[in-house]
Protein backbone atom coordinates (compact mmCIF):
# COMPACT_ATOMS: atom_id res chain seq x y z
CA MET A 1 39.18 9.93 6.27
CA THR A 2 42.77 10.01 7.57
CA GLU A 3 43.46 10.21 11.30
CA PHE A 4 46.82 10.46 13.07
CA THR A 5 47.06 9.39 16.70
CA ILE A 6 49.63 9.15 19.45
CA GLU A 7 49.37 5.83 21.28
CA PRO A 8 51.65 6.13 24.34
CA ASP A 9 50.58 2.77 25.77
CA ALA A 10 51.88 1.11 22.59
CA ASN A 11 54.84 3.53 22.20
CA ARG A 12 53.80 4.48 18.70
CA TYR A 13 52.41 7.08 16.39
CA ALA A 14 49.72 5.71 14.10
CA MET A 15 47.94 6.61 10.90
CA HIS A 16 44.45 5.27 10.23
CA MET A 17 42.43 5.60 7.04
CA ASP A 18 38.72 4.89 7.23
CA GLY A 19 39.31 3.06 10.52
CA GLU A 20 42.10 0.85 9.14
CA LEU A 21 45.59 0.99 10.66
CA VAL A 22 47.80 1.97 7.71
CA ALA A 23 51.19 3.00 9.11
CA VAL A 24 53.03 3.33 12.42
CA VAL A 25 56.20 4.73 13.91
CA ASP A 26 57.32 2.81 16.98
CA TYR A 27 59.46 4.69 19.50
CA SER A 28 61.35 4.33 22.75
CA VAL A 29 62.15 7.17 25.15
CA ASN A 30 65.47 7.06 26.96
CA GLY A 31 66.45 10.11 29.00
CA ASN A 32 66.43 13.16 26.73
CA ALA A 33 66.16 11.12 23.53
CA ILE A 34 63.37 9.44 21.62
CA SER A 35 64.44 6.64 19.31
CA LEU A 36 62.31 5.99 16.27
CA THR A 37 62.78 2.24 16.22
CA ARG A 38 60.50 1.08 13.41
CA VAL A 39 58.40 2.54 10.62
CA TYR A 40 55.82 0.15 9.20
CA THR A 41 53.18 0.42 6.50
CA ALA A 42 50.58 -2.26 5.82
CA PRO A 43 51.78 -4.17 2.72
CA HIS A 44 48.75 -3.38 0.59
CA ARG A 45 49.16 0.37 1.35
CA ARG A 46 52.88 0.68 0.54
CA GLY A 47 54.25 3.00 -2.10
CA ARG A 48 51.77 5.81 -1.47
CA GLY A 49 53.77 8.00 0.93
CA HIS A 50 51.97 6.94 4.11
CA ALA A 51 55.20 6.15 5.97
CA ALA A 52 56.51 9.64 5.23
CA GLU A 53 53.26 11.16 6.48
CA VAL A 54 53.36 9.35 9.82
CA VAL A 55 57.06 10.14 10.33
CA ALA A 56 56.30 13.83 9.66
CA PHE A 57 53.44 13.67 12.17
CA ALA A 58 55.76 12.12 14.77
CA ALA A 59 58.49 14.71 14.13
CA ASP A 60 55.96 17.55 14.42
CA ASP A 61 54.60 16.20 17.71
CA ILE A 62 58.06 15.67 19.18
CA GLU A 63 59.16 19.16 18.13
CA GLN A 64 56.03 20.91 19.41
CA ASN A 65 55.41 19.00 22.63
CA THR A 66 58.77 17.81 23.96
CA ASP A 67 62.40 18.83 24.39
CA LEU A 68 63.62 15.41 23.29
CA HIS A 69 66.08 14.90 20.47
CA ILE A 70 65.32 12.24 17.90
CA VAL A 71 67.49 9.21 17.24
CA PRO A 72 66.36 7.59 13.98
CA MET A 73 67.20 3.92 14.63
CA CYS A 74 65.11 2.63 11.73
CA TRP A 75 66.56 2.95 8.22
CA TYR A 76 63.36 4.58 6.94
CA ALA A 77 63.33 7.25 9.66
CA ALA A 78 67.03 7.98 9.01
CA GLU A 79 66.34 8.29 5.28
CA TRP A 80 63.39 10.59 5.98
CA PHE A 81 65.64 12.96 7.95
CA ASP A 82 68.24 12.82 5.15
CA LYS A 83 65.51 13.97 2.75
CA HIS A 84 64.38 16.72 5.16
CA PRO A 85 67.57 18.50 6.26
CA GLU A 86 65.48 21.42 7.51
CA ARG A 87 64.40 19.11 10.38
CA ALA A 88 67.99 18.15 11.36
CA ASN A 89 67.77 20.37 14.46
CA LEU A 90 65.50 17.69 15.97
CA LEU A 91 68.36 15.21 15.86
CA SER A 92 70.67 17.22 18.08
CA ARG A 93 68.66 19.55 20.25
CA ALA A 94 69.34 19.40 23.99
CA ALA A 95 66.71 18.80 26.63
């Protein structure tokens, strides 16, 4: 079973599978921007698309529940947005 959570006390979005923490997106909010500072997948779970899933979950949450624009500080998050140009509006929208 896969579960996505928002963990504001830890400033991260998380993906769990069968109770195991699999992938996270760490973030930092500054004014009207949210910086995605790190995307991490547990080493034994890499190469299966989990990082992309948790970044998509984070982007969806930010789009649906905030007016913040996203600053992809982590190389993986930046690459994800390059591969999803239809989400580019999240990078420049004004609060």
